[in-house]
């Protein structure tokens, strides 16, 4: 088993390097759509989930902020992403072998390698990388390990495995949900343990949501925007069956989407044929139902009635906005896909199995060549201008918040990729950076949260001689103006700032000070911050403690 694990991990590492190779450049940073890595980030209220918007990036931002005090933030994010991909390939390989063993159809290393390849080399991974959802891939990896823990472990080792996988997956809220669903499917009798561990893994985002109450309800207008998308000629169901269909048509790798769907249809049909006599046996039957739900439900959610239902749901139930990105749920179909891949290789006579293994790891790459080397070069790292370091040194943590121009969450930089990216200012600066949360997708504005950030944005848009006073009352001590790509050329937004004092003027950034007394606006209390810190420490303790319990118990069994 140890040699098999080593081979699965090594092969997964090779695939992960082929995918992430461009990010290995030192001193450069991932800046693509939702992915923003910076040399150093800080444990601000926003990083704790207390910044006024929905706590979607906890505990990820907290962990990276702490880690960047020791390791360069760009290196840290790249290492975490690499580890997530290795864990995904290795975990789904183990998952497939565990499922087949449980139904009396054991497969060898070749089957595990085929499963690992299918789990790593697919449109879901490619599209989430292109969208910048690097931390979601940790949750994706947790799915396979939850299945392994449910099928292969018992007693305290099983509890430790569940805890470690739930916490690792819980780097993002959706990842924790992925993990607990997988656990409940394969080990339903352990529901009480699983739900208890899920709460501990989710407490970094549950706590701020309960305390602040802001940003908890999603904008109903966002439901149709984030619904799964139909690729041409495939429809929504066909796109999701091929593990594609992300809402953003710009976050799709090069290639023919119909090939992905054909490949997975053949894979599932072959697996069903090979496993026909045991297809209803647990856990295979339950994983098949999970895969069916993971494809059918997002398909229904993308229809008119489905969109209307979710619009009512997000208005009625806080936190249900987690459901709106429909395509991400196809991740829960991958245990079945991986198992079918392993079963097909395992069904080949032993003399021909090496050739079948080679074919099983080559075909997915041939079907999706756009995933090679940074998803076709899209994951090219960025070098920040030196002026970011200068601005970060100028702005302290306690002299007012920072308002940023141009408005909006995303911008395109001349030194970055052609695709828009999240503003790095909230991670670069120690002071709170005001953000409205507003997203513009297809000409529609969604998710704007009312409050100080929206008021400051409105004040900057209105301008006038009273601008400085209005900003000061809102607790804004600084205005940062970023040069962005406008009509194909780098330029600063043409927004007059009367009454503000220039502090730094560089080709990429301009910093202004708001004069006078800066009001102290409503901010989280010490008690709230302490609670948020405690929640994050509980999450980290769950991961470390679970892994420690798993290793310690294994050590006892070997002695």
Protein backbone atom coordinates (compact mmCIF):
# COMPACT_ATOMS: atom_id res chain seq x y z
CA UNK A 1 0.00 0.00 0.00
CA UNK A 2 2.84 2.39 0.79
CA UNK A 3 4.46 1.85 -2.61
CA UNK A 4 1.07 2.32 -4.30
CA UNK A 5 0.53 5.56 -2.38
CA UNK A 6 3.99 6.76 -3.34
CA UNK A 7 3.32 6.04 -7.01
CA UNK A 8 -0.07 7.79 -6.95
CA UNK A 9 1.38 10.82 -5.19
CA UNK A 10 4.36 10.98 -7.55
CA UNK A 11 2.18 10.75 -10.67
CA UNK A 12 -0.17 13.40 -9.30
CA UNK A 13 2.83 15.64 -8.63
CA UNK A 14 4.00 15.22 -12.23
CA UNK A 15 0.57 16.18 -13.58
CA UNK A 16 0.33 19.11 -11.16
CA UNK A 17 3.71 20.42 -12.32
CA UNK A 18 2.72 20.11 -15.98
CA UNK A 19 -0.38 22.18 -15.18
CA UNK A 20 1.22 24.77 -12.87
CA UNK A 21 4.74 24.96 -14.32
CA UNK A 22 4.67 28.69 -15.20
CA UNK A 23 3.96 29.59 -11.57
CA UNK A 24 7.30 28.13 -10.47
CA UNK A 25 8.98 31.47 -11.29
CA UNK A 26 10.21 33.08 -8.07
CA UNK A 27 9.29 36.66 -7.26
CA UNK A 28 6.16 36.62 -9.40
CA UNK A 29 2.52 36.36 -8.43
CA UNK A 30 -0.74 34.80 -9.50
CA UNK A 31 -3.11 37.56 -10.63
CA UNK A 32 -6.02 36.18 -12.66
CA UNK A 33 -9.71 36.91 -12.12
CA UNK A 34 -10.52 35.79 -8.54
CA UNK A 35 -6.95 34.71 -7.77
CA UNK A 36 -4.72 37.37 -6.21
CA UNK A 37 -1.43 36.58 -4.53
CA UNK A 38 0.78 39.34 -3.14
CA UNK A 39 4.22 39.48 -1.51
CA UNK A 40 2.67 40.14 1.88
CA UNK A 41 -0.89 40.40 3.16
CA UNK A 42 -2.34 41.31 6.54
CA UNK A 43 -4.90 40.00 9.01
CA UNK A 44 -7.40 42.79 8.48
CA UNK A 45 -11.06 42.68 9.44
CA UNK A 46 -11.81 41.62 5.87
CA UNK A 47 -9.38 38.70 6.17
CA UNK A 48 -11.27 37.62 9.30
CA UNK A 49 -14.58 37.83 7.47
CA UNK A 50 -15.63 40.96 9.37
CA UNK A 51 -15.17 43.47 6.55
CA UNK A 52 -18.87 44.00 5.84
CA UNK A 53 -19.16 41.75 2.81
CA UNK A 54 -19.94 38.04 2.71
CA UNK A 55 -17.17 35.93 4.26
CA UNK A 56 -16.41 34.04 1.05
CA UNK A 57 -12.62 34.06 1.38
CA UNK A 58 -12.27 32.78 4.94
CA UNK A 59 -10.23 31.10 6.29
CA UNK A 60 -8.12 31.28 3.12
CA UNK A 61 -7.20 34.96 3.48
CA UNK A 62 -6.37 34.57 7.18
CA UNK A 63 -4.08 31.60 6.53
CA UNK A 64 -2.27 33.32 3.66
CA UNK A 65 -1.91 36.53 5.68
CA UNK A 66 -0.28 34.65 8.55
CA UNK A 67 1.89 32.56 6.28
CA UNK A 68 3.11 35.55 4.27
CA UNK A 69 4.80 36.85 7.42
CA UNK A 70 7.19 33.91 7.06
CA UNK A 71 7.11 32.97 3.36
CA UNK A 72 6.61 35.18 0.32
CA UNK A 73 2.88 35.24 -0.41
CA UNK A 74 3.32 34.31 -4.06
CA UNK A 75 5.37 31.25 -3.15
CA UNK A 76 2.87 30.30 -0.45
CA UNK A 77 -0.16 30.40 -2.76
CA UNK A 78 1.68 28.44 -5.46
CA UNK A 79 2.71 25.77 -2.94
CA UNK A 80 -0.82 25.52 -1.54
CA UNK A 81 -2.25 25.19 -5.05
CA UNK A 82 0.32 22.56 -6.00
CA UNK A 83 -0.46 20.62 -2.81
CA UNK A 84 -4.19 20.81 -3.56
CA UNK A 85 -3.73 19.33 -7.02
CA UNK A 86 -1.42 16.58 -5.77
CA UNK A 87 -3.89 15.77 -3.00
CA UNK A 88 -6.73 15.69 -5.53
CA UNK A 89 -5.04 13.23 -7.88
CA UNK A 90 -3.74 11.05 -5.08
CA UNK A 91 -7.01 11.17 -3.15
CA UNK A 92 -9.27 10.30 -6.07
CA UNK A 93 -6.88 7.51 -7.03
CA UNK A 94 -7.18 6.08 -3.52
CA UNK A 95 -10.92 6.74 -3.58
CA UNK A 96 -11.46 4.70 -6.74
CA UNK A 97 -9.42 1.78 -5.42
CA UNK A 98 -11.29 1.86 -2.10
CA UNK A 99 -14.70 1.85 -3.81
CA UNK A 100 -13.77 -1.04 -6.09
CA UNK A 101 -12.36 -3.01 -3.18
CA UNK A 102 -15.57 -2.42 -1.21
CA UNK A 103 -17.69 -3.94 -4.00
CA UNK A 104 -15.37 -6.89 -4.54
CA UNK A 105 -13.69 -5.66 -7.71
CA UNK A 106 -10.18 -4.69 -6.58
CA UNK A 107 -7.98 -2.91 -9.09
CA UNK A 108 -4.24 -2.44 -9.07
CA UNK A 109 -1.94 0.53 -9.39
CA UNK A 110 -2.82 1.00 -13.06
CA UNK A 111 -6.43 1.62 -12.14
CA UNK A 112 -5.39 4.11 -9.48
CA UNK A 113 -3.21 6.01 -11.96
CA UNK A 114 -6.09 6.17 -14.44
CA UNK A 115 -8.40 7.50 -11.73
CA UNK A 116 -5.85 10.10 -10.64
CA UNK A 117 -5.44 11.29 -14.23
CA UNK A 118 -9.18 11.66 -14.80
CA UNK A 119 -9.49 13.56 -11.52
CA UNK A 120 -6.74 16.05 -12.39
CA UNK A 121 -7.02 16.35 -16.15
CA UNK A 122 -10.58 17.51 -16.73
CA UNK A 123 -12.53 20.68 -17.60
CA UNK A 124 -13.59 21.30 -13.99
CA UNK A 125 -9.99 21.74 -12.86
CA UNK A 126 -9.14 23.82 -15.94
CA UNK A 127 -12.11 26.15 -15.62
CA UNK A 128 -11.66 26.70 -11.90
CA UNK A 129 -7.99 27.55 -12.44
CA UNK A 130 -8.93 30.01 -15.18
CA UNK A 131 -11.53 31.59 -12.91
CA UNK A 132 -8.92 31.91 -10.16
CA UNK A 133 -10.65 29.54 -7.73
CA UNK A 134 -7.42 28.01 -6.48
CA UNK A 135 -8.67 27.41 -2.93
CA UNK A 136 -11.80 25.63 -4.20
CA UNK A 137 -9.48 22.94 -5.51
CA UNK A 138 -8.54 22.14 -1.91
CA UNK A 139 -12.21 21.36 -1.32
CA UNK A 140 -12.24 19.33 -4.51
CA UNK A 141 -9.30 17.29 -3.21
CA UNK A 142 -11.08 16.70 0.09
CA UNK A 143 -13.90 14.81 -1.65
CA UNK A 144 -11.68 11.86 -2.53
CA UNK A 145 -10.11 11.69 0.91
CA UNK A 146 -13.51 11.79 2.63
CA UNK A 147 -14.51 8.72 0.61
CA UNK A 148 -11.27 6.99 1.58
CA UNK A 149 -11.80 7.80 5.27
CA UNK A 150 -15.37 6.55 5.13
CA UNK A 151 -14.45 3.25 3.50
CA UNK A 152 -10.96 2.39 4.70
CA UNK A 153 -10.69 3.77 8.22
CA UNK A 154 -12.43 2.96 11.49
CA UNK A 155 -12.66 4.36 14.99
CA UNK A 156 -10.42 7.25 15.94
CA UNK A 157 -8.43 7.03 12.70
CA UNK A 158 -11.62 7.56 10.75
CA UNK A 159 -12.53 10.56 12.91
CA UNK A 160 -9.05 11.97 12.35
CA UNK A 161 -9.31 11.42 8.61
CA UNK A 162 -12.69 13.11 8.47
CA UNK A 163 -11.44 16.05 10.56
CA UNK A 164 -8.31 16.63 8.49
CA UNK A 165 -10.14 16.38 5.15
CA UNK A 166 -13.03 18.59 6.26
CA UNK A 167 -10.68 21.27 7.57
CA UNK A 168 -8.42 21.17 4.51
CA UNK A 169 -11.44 21.33 2.24
CA UNK A 170 -12.82 24.11 4.42
CA UNK A 171 -10.17 26.51 3.12
CA UNK A 172 -13.22 27.89 1.31
CA UNK A 173 -16.88 27.54 2.37
CA UNK A 174 -17.91 25.46 -0.63
CA UNK A 175 -15.04 23.05 -0.01
CA UNK A 176 -16.34 22.20 3.45
CA UNK A 177 -19.77 21.50 1.93
CA UNK A 178 -18.18 19.27 -0.73
CA UNK A 179 -16.42 17.29 1.96
CA UNK A 180 -19.36 16.78 4.31
CA UNK A 181 -21.64 15.68 1.46
CA UNK A 182 -19.08 13.09 0.33
CA UNK A 183 -18.71 11.86 3.89
CA UNK A 184 -22.46 11.53 4.45
CA UNK A 185 -22.85 9.57 1.21
CA UNK A 186 -20.25 6.92 2.03
CA UNK A 187 -20.65 6.83 5.82
CA UNK A 188 -24.26 7.83 6.59
CA UNK A 189 -24.18 6.15 10.01
CA UNK A 190 -21.47 8.59 11.07
CA UNK A 191 -23.73 11.58 10.38
CA UNK A 192 -23.47 13.02 13.90
CA UNK A 193 -19.66 13.00 13.86
CA UNK A 194 -19.58 14.40 10.34
CA UNK A 195 -21.98 17.25 11.04
CA UNK A 196 -20.16 18.14 14.25
CA UNK A 197 -16.81 18.24 12.47
CA UNK A 198 -18.38 20.22 9.62
CA UNK A 199 -19.48 22.95 12.02
CA UNK A 200 -15.94 23.18 13.40
CA UNK A 201 -14.49 23.32 9.88
CA UNK A 202 -17.03 25.95 8.81
CA UNK A 203 -16.87 28.15 11.90
CA UNK A 204 -14.47 30.72 10.31
CA UNK A 205 -17.24 31.76 7.91
CA UNK A 206 -20.26 30.82 9.99
CA UNK A 207 -19.16 33.05 12.88
CA UNK A 208 -18.74 36.35 10.98
CA UNK A 209 -21.94 35.69 9.07
CA UNK A 210 -23.86 35.29 12.32
CA UNK A 211 -22.16 38.22 14.06
CA UNK A 212 -22.31 40.82 11.32
CA UNK A 213 -25.42 39.72 9.48
CA UNK A 214 -24.19 41.65 6.43
CA UNK A 215 -23.66 40.15 3.04
CA UNK A 216 -25.32 36.91 4.16
CA UNK A 217 -28.20 37.06 1.68
CA UNK A 218 -27.09 36.91 -1.93
CA UNK A 219 -28.44 39.26 -4.56
CA UNK A 220 -31.33 37.45 -6.33
CA UNK A 221 -30.19 39.03 -9.60
CA UNK A 222 -26.98 36.99 -9.35
CA UNK A 223 -28.71 33.63 -9.69
CA UNK A 224 -29.16 33.75 -13.46
CA UNK A 225 -25.67 35.22 -13.88
CA UNK A 226 -23.94 32.35 -12.08
CA UNK A 227 -26.11 29.52 -13.42
CA UNK A 228 -24.38 26.73 -15.30
CA UNK A 229 -23.81 27.58 -18.95
CA UNK A 230 -24.53 25.47 -22.01
CA UNK A 231 -21.65 24.95 -24.41
CA UNK A 232 -22.67 25.21 -28.10
CA UNK A 233 -24.26 22.00 -29.32
CA UNK A 234 -24.22 20.32 -25.91
CA UNK A 235 -26.90 21.97 -23.83
CA UNK A 236 -26.49 22.49 -20.11
CA UNK A 237 -26.81 18.81 -19.22
CA UNK A 238 -24.21 17.75 -21.79
CA UNK A 239 -21.81 20.47 -20.67
CA UNK A 240 -22.09 19.46 -17.02
CA UNK A 241 -21.81 15.78 -17.87
CA UNK A 242 -18.43 16.64 -19.40
CA UNK A 243 -17.48 18.47 -16.16
CA UNK A 244 -17.63 21.84 -17.96
CA UNK A 245 -20.27 24.54 -18.14
CA UNK A 246 -18.83 27.23 -15.85
CA UNK A 247 -20.87 30.44 -15.94
CA UNK A 248 -17.99 32.53 -17.33
CA UNK A 249 -17.50 31.76 -21.02
CA UNK A 250 -14.06 33.44 -20.85
CA UNK A 251 -12.80 30.90 -18.29
CA UNK A 252 -12.85 27.92 -20.63
CA UNK A 253 -9.69 26.14 -21.85
CA UNK A 254 -8.84 25.74 -25.51
CA UNK A 255 -10.26 22.62 -27.09
CA UNK A 256 -13.51 21.07 -28.23
CA UNK A 257 -16.02 20.80 -25.35
CA UNK A 258 -17.94 18.07 -27.15
CA UNK A 259 -14.85 15.86 -26.97
CA UNK A 260 -14.84 16.11 -23.18
CA UNK A 261 -18.47 15.06 -23.00
CA UNK A 262 -17.98 12.18 -25.44
CA UNK A 263 -14.97 10.99 -23.44
CA UNK A 264 -16.87 10.96 -20.16
CA UNK A 265 -19.95 9.34 -21.70
CA UNK A 266 -17.76 6.52 -23.01
CA UNK A 267 -16.01 6.31 -19.64
CA UNK A 268 -19.29 6.06 -17.72
CA UNK A 269 -20.81 3.60 -20.17
CA UNK A 270 -17.74 1.38 -20.01
CA UNK A 271 -17.68 1.56 -16.23
CA UNK A 272 -21.37 0.69 -16.03
CA UNK A 273 -20.78 -2.34 -18.26
CA UNK A 274 -17.81 -3.60 -16.27
CA UNK A 275 -19.51 -2.99 -12.92
CA UNK A 276 -23.05 -3.97 -13.94
CA UNK A 277 -23.27 -6.83 -11.44
CA UNK A 278 -22.30 -4.62 -8.49
CA UNK A 279 -23.63 -1.24 -9.60
CA UNK A 280 -26.22 -1.07 -6.82
CA UNK A 281 -23.88 -2.21 -4.06
CA UNK A 282 -22.88 0.39 -1.50
CA UNK A 283 -20.96 2.58 -1.79
CA UNK A 284 -20.97 2.40 -5.60
CA UNK A 285 -24.72 2.80 -5.90
CA UNK A 286 -24.74 5.80 -3.58
CA UNK A 287 -21.86 7.45 -5.45
CA UNK A 288 -23.73 6.89 -8.72
CA UNK A 289 -26.78 8.65 -7.28
CA UNK A 290 -24.55 11.47 -6.02
CA UNK A 291 -23.05 11.88 -9.49
CA UNK A 292 -26.51 11.92 -11.04
CA UNK A 293 -27.65 14.61 -8.61
CA UNK A 294 -24.44 16.61 -9.18
CA UNK A 295 -25.24 16.86 -12.90
CA UNK A 296 -29.04 16.93 -12.96
CA UNK A 297 -29.71 19.43 -10.16
CA UNK A 298 -27.43 22.19 -11.57
CA UNK A 299 -29.03 21.54 -14.96
CA UNK A 300 -32.48 22.12 -13.48
CA UNK A 301 -31.21 25.14 -11.55
CA UNK A 302 -30.22 26.76 -14.86
CA UNK A 303 -33.78 26.57 -16.23
CA UNK A 304 -36.35 29.34 -15.79
CA UNK A 305 -38.20 27.63 -12.92
CA UNK A 306 -34.89 26.66 -11.32
CA UNK A 307 -33.61 30.23 -11.42
CA UNK A 308 -36.90 31.52 -9.97
CA UNK A 309 -36.75 28.95 -7.15
CA UNK A 310 -33.18 29.90 -6.21
CA UNK A 311 -34.03 33.61 -6.35
CA UNK A 312 -36.72 33.04 -3.72
CA UNK A 313 -34.41 30.77 -1.74
CA UNK A 314 -31.56 33.28 -1.41
CA UNK A 315 -34.01 35.93 -0.23
CA UNK A 316 -35.54 33.62 2.36
CA UNK A 317 -32.57 31.66 3.73
CA UNK A 318 -29.30 33.35 4.73
CA UNK A 319 -26.23 31.65 3.30
CA UNK A 320 -28.07 29.87 0.50
CA UNK A 321 -26.21 32.02 -2.02
CA UNK A 322 -23.56 29.31 -1.73
CA UNK A 323 -25.69 27.33 -4.18
CA UNK A 324 -25.73 29.89 -6.98
CA UNK A 325 -22.56 28.86 -8.86
CA UNK A 326 -24.21 25.75 -10.22
CA UNK A 327 -21.34 24.22 -12.18
CA UNK A 328 -19.06 23.78 -9.18
CA UNK A 329 -21.27 20.99 -7.82
CA UNK A 330 -20.24 18.63 -10.63
CA UNK A 331 -17.11 18.07 -8.53
CA UNK A 332 -19.24 15.61 -6.56
CA UNK A 333 -19.56 13.43 -9.68
CA UNK A 334 -15.81 12.85 -9.89
CA UNK A 335 -15.67 9.90 -7.42
CA UNK A 336 -17.84 7.94 -9.85
CA UNK A 337 -15.86 9.07 -12.90
CA UNK A 338 -12.58 8.11 -11.23
CA UNK A 339 -13.99 4.75 -10.15
CA UNK A 340 -15.14 3.97 -13.70
CA UNK A 341 -11.68 4.80 -15.05
CA UNK A 342 -10.03 2.48 -12.52
CA UNK A 343 -12.57 -0.27 -13.17
CA UNK A 344 -11.97 -0.21 -16.93
CA UNK A 345 -8.22 -0.61 -16.49
CA UNK A 346 -8.73 -3.27 -13.83
CA UNK A 347 -10.98 -5.28 -16.16
CA UNK A 348 -8.24 -5.64 -18.78
CA UNK A 349 -6.32 -8.95 -18.66
CA UNK A 350 -3.11 -8.67 -16.67
CA UNK A 351 -0.89 -9.15 -19.70
CA UNK A 352 -2.43 -6.13 -21.44
CA UNK A 353 -2.87 -3.97 -18.35
CA UNK A 354 0.34 -1.90 -18.73
CA UNK A 355 -0.78 -0.83 -22.19
CA UNK A 356 -4.27 -0.06 -20.91
CA UNK A 357 -2.77 2.06 -18.14
CA UNK A 358 -0.72 4.07 -20.62
CA UNK A 359 -3.80 4.62 -22.77
CA UNK A 360 -5.85 5.63 -19.73
CA UNK A 361 -3.39 8.37 -18.75
CA UNK A 362 -2.74 9.59 -22.30
CA UNK A 363 -6.31 9.87 -23.59
CA UNK A 364 -7.48 12.54 -21.08
CA UNK A 365 -4.46 14.69 -21.93
CA UNK A 366 -5.13 14.27 -25.65
CA UNK A 367 -8.78 15.21 -25.19
CA UNK A 368 -7.92 18.33 -23.17
CA UNK A 369 -4.53 19.65 -24.36
CA UNK A 370 -5.46 23.16 -23.26
CA UNK A 371 -4.67 22.30 -19.64
CA UNK A 372 -0.94 21.94 -20.35
CA UNK A 373 1.52 24.48 -18.91
CA UNK A 374 -0.62 26.97 -17.07
CA UNK A 375 -3.89 26.16 -18.87
CA UNK A 376 -2.51 27.25 -22.20
CA UNK A 377 -0.34 29.97 -20.67
CA UNK A 378 -3.18 31.76 -18.87
CA UNK A 379 -1.55 31.13 -15.48
CA UNK A 380 1.44 33.30 -16.32
CA UNK A 381 2.66 34.96 -13.10
CA UNK A 382 2.80 38.72 -12.69
CA UNK A 383 5.45 41.11 -11.35
CA UNK A 384 4.01 44.03 -9.37
CA UNK A 385 5.45 47.51 -9.89
CA UNK A 386 7.73 48.66 -7.08
CA UNK A 387 5.26 51.46 -6.33
CA UNK A 388 2.97 48.97 -4.59
CA UNK A 389 5.61 48.50 -1.92
CA UNK A 390 6.00 52.28 -1.63
CA UNK A 391 2.27 52.82 -1.20
CA UNK A 392 2.01 49.99 1.33
CA UNK A 393 4.70 51.66 3.43
CA UNK A 394 2.87 55.01 3.35
CA UNK A 395 -0.50 53.77 4.60
CA UNK A 396 -0.67 52.71 8.27
CA UNK A 397 -3.35 50.51 9.72
CA UNK A 398 -4.94 53.10 12.01
CA UNK A 399 -5.35 56.37 10.10
CA UNK A 400 -8.55 55.76 8.23
CA UNK A 401 -9.83 53.44 5.55
CA UNK A 402 -8.73 53.47 1.92
CA UNK A 403 -11.09 54.19 -0.97
CA UNK A 404 -9.91 53.03 -4.37
CA UNK A 405 -10.39 54.32 -7.90
CA UNK A 406 -11.53 53.18 -10.37
CA UNK A 407 -14.60 51.75 -8.60
CA UNK A 408 -15.42 48.08 -8.79
CA UNK A 409 -13.87 44.85 -7.62
CA UNK A 410 -12.07 43.94 -10.86
CA UNK A 411 -9.65 45.77 -13.12
CA UNK A 412 -7.19 45.03 -15.93
CA UNK A 413 -3.58 46.08 -15.33
CA UNK A 414 -0.94 46.70 -17.98
CA UNK A 415 1.50 44.56 -15.96
CA UNK A 416 -1.02 41.74 -15.52
CA UNK A 417 -2.88 39.32 -17.75
CA UNK A 418 -5.38 40.38 -20.39
CA UNK A 419 -8.20 39.04 -18.23
CA UNK A 420 -9.51 41.25 -15.41
CA UNK A 421 -8.41 40.49 -11.86
CA UNK A 422 -9.51 41.35 -8.36
CA UNK A 423 -7.99 44.52 -6.98
CA UNK A 424 -4.87 43.54 -4.97
CA UNK A 425 -5.12 46.62 -2.71
CA UNK A 426 -7.08 44.88 0.11
CA UNK A 427 -4.25 42.38 0.46
CA UNK A 428 -1.37 44.79 -0.13
CA UNK A 429 -2.37 47.36 2.49
CA UNK A 430 -2.62 47.16 6.27
CA UNK A 431 -5.50 49.63 6.42
CA UNK A 432 -9.06 48.53 5.65
CA UNK A 433 -9.83 48.93 1.95
CA UNK A 434 -13.45 49.77 1.23
CA UNK A 435 -15.14 47.51 -1.30
CA UNK A 436 -18.79 47.44 -2.26
CA UNK A 437 -18.69 43.83 -3.45
CA UNK A 438 -20.27 44.90 -6.73
CA UNK A 439 -19.61 42.64 -9.69
CA UNK A 440 -20.32 43.49 -13.31
CA UNK A 441 -21.10 40.48 -15.45
CA UNK A 442 -22.42 40.84 -18.97
CA UNK A 443 -23.27 44.49 -18.38
CA UNK A 444 -25.24 43.70 -15.22
CA UNK A 445 -24.29 44.99 -11.77
CA UNK A 446 -24.89 42.58 -8.88
CA UNK A 447 -23.94 42.01 -5.24
CA UNK A 448 -23.47 45.69 -4.27
CA UNK A 449 -23.58 45.90 -0.48
CA UNK A 450 -24.85 49.19 1.00
CA UNK A 451 -22.69 50.82 3.64
CA UNK A 452 -19.58 52.95 4.02
CA UNK A 453 -17.93 51.55 0.88
CA UNK A 454 -20.94 52.33 -1.29
CA UNK A 455 -21.28 55.79 0.26
CA UNK A 456 -17.59 56.55 -0.36
CA UNK A 457 -17.87 55.36 -3.95
CA UNK A 458 -20.88 57.63 -4.46
CA UNK A 459 -19.03 60.58 -2.91
CA UNK A 460 -16.06 60.08 -5.25
CA UNK A 461 -18.38 59.89 -8.23
CA UNK A 462 -20.15 63.10 -7.20
CA UNK A 463 -16.91 65.01 -6.46
CA UNK A 464 -17.29 68.70 -5.67
CA UNK A 465 -15.74 70.99 -3.05
CA UNK A 466 -17.28 68.97 -0.19
CA UNK A 467 -15.60 65.73 -1.22
CA UNK A 468 -12.89 65.76 1.47
CA UNK A 469 -15.39 66.44 4.24
CA UNK A 470 -17.75 63.72 3.07
CA UNK A 471 -14.94 61.18 2.91
CA UNK A 472 -13.65 62.15 6.37
CA UNK A 473 -17.11 61.64 7.88
CA UNK A 474 -17.19 58.17 6.33
CA UNK A 475 -13.86 57.28 7.96
CA UNK A 476 -11.89 57.45 4.71
CA UNK A 477 -8.35 58.69 5.29
CA UNK A 478 -6.83 57.81 1.93
CA UNK A 479 -7.75 57.55 -1.73
CA UNK A 480 -5.69 55.24 -3.92
CA UNK A 481 -5.93 55.73 -7.69
CA UNK A 482 -4.75 52.82 -9.82
CA UNK A 483 -3.67 53.01 -13.44
CA UNK A 484 -5.66 50.45 -15.41
CA UNK A 485 -6.06 49.48 -19.03
CA UNK A 486 -8.66 51.75 -20.64
CA UNK A 487 -9.36 51.35 -24.37
CA UNK A 488 -6.20 49.30 -24.80
CA UNK A 489 -3.81 51.69 -23.02
CA UNK A 490 -2.78 52.23 -19.40
CA UNK A 491 -4.38 55.32 -17.91
CA UNK A 492 -5.58 56.75 -14.62
CA UNK A 493 -9.33 57.26 -14.27
CA UNK A 494 -10.24 60.90 -14.89
CA UNK A 495 -11.84 61.60 -11.51
CA UNK A 496 -11.17 65.01 -9.90
CA UNK A 497 -10.21 64.89 -6.21
CA UNK A 498 -10.58 68.47 -4.93
CA UNK A 499 -9.25 69.15 -1.45
CA UNK A 500 -7.19 65.96 -1.20
CA UNK A 501 -3.44 66.11 -0.65
CA UNK A 502 -1.19 64.11 -3.00
CA UNK A 503 1.19 61.82 -1.10
CA UNK A 504 2.74 59.67 -3.84
CA UNK A 505 2.64 59.93 -7.62
CA UNK A 506 4.00 56.98 -9.62
CA UNK A 507 3.35 55.64 -13.14
CA UNK A 508 1.13 52.89 -11.72
CA UNK A 509 -0.37 54.35 -8.54
CA UNK A 510 -1.32 57.67 -7.00
CA UNK A 511 -2.04 58.11 -3.31
CA UNK A 512 -3.99 61.00 -1.77
CA UNK A 513 -4.54 61.93 1.88
CA UNK A 514 -7.89 63.14 3.12
CA UNK A 515 -7.15 66.19 5.32
CA UNK A 516 -8.67 66.95 8.69
CA UNK A 517 -10.08 64.74 11.40
CA UNK A 518 -11.07 61.30 10.15
CA UNK A 519 -14.16 59.94 11.83
CA UNK A 520 -14.12 56.60 13.58
CA UNK A 521 -16.73 54.55 11.79
CA UNK A 522 -18.50 51.46 13.03
CA UNK A 523 -15.95 48.69 13.21
CA UNK A 524 -15.94 45.23 14.74
CA UNK A 525 -15.45 45.23 18.48
CA UNK A 526 -12.53 43.58 20.23
CA UNK A 527 -14.88 40.84 21.29
CA UNK A 528 -15.96 40.22 17.70
CA UNK A 529 -12.37 40.18 16.48
CA UNK A 530 -11.42 37.83 19.29
CA UNK A 531 -14.27 35.54 18.33
CA UNK A 532 -13.15 35.54 14.70
CA UNK A 533 -9.58 34.73 15.70
CA UNK A 534 -10.85 31.92 17.91
CA UNK A 535 -12.94 30.54 15.04
CA UNK A 536 -9.93 30.44 12.74
CA UNK A 537 -7.73 28.84 15.38
CA UNK A 538 -10.40 26.17 15.92
CA UNK A 539 -10.36 25.46 12.18
CA UNK A 540 -6.56 25.21 12.09
CA UNK A 541 -6.57 23.05 15.21
CA UNK A 542 -9.07 20.71 13.59
CA UNK A 543 -6.80 20.21 10.59
CA UNK A 544 -3.63 19.73 12.59
CA UNK A 545 -5.32 17.63 15.26
CA UNK A 546 -7.07 15.43 12.72
CA UNK A 547 -3.86 14.81 10.81
CA UNK A 548 -2.00 14.14 14.05
CA UNK A 549 -4.63 11.65 15.21
CA UNK A 550 -4.49 9.89 11.86
CA UNK A 551 -0.71 9.56 11.93
CA UNK A 552 -0.49 8.62 15.62
CA UNK A 553 -3.06 5.85 15.34
CA UNK A 554 -1.38 4.50 12.21
CA UNK A 555 1.92 4.45 14.06
CA UNK A 556 0.40 2.41 16.88
CA UNK A 557 -1.03 -0.09 14.42
CA UNK A 558 2.39 -0.58 12.84
CA UNK A 559 4.17 -1.21 16.17
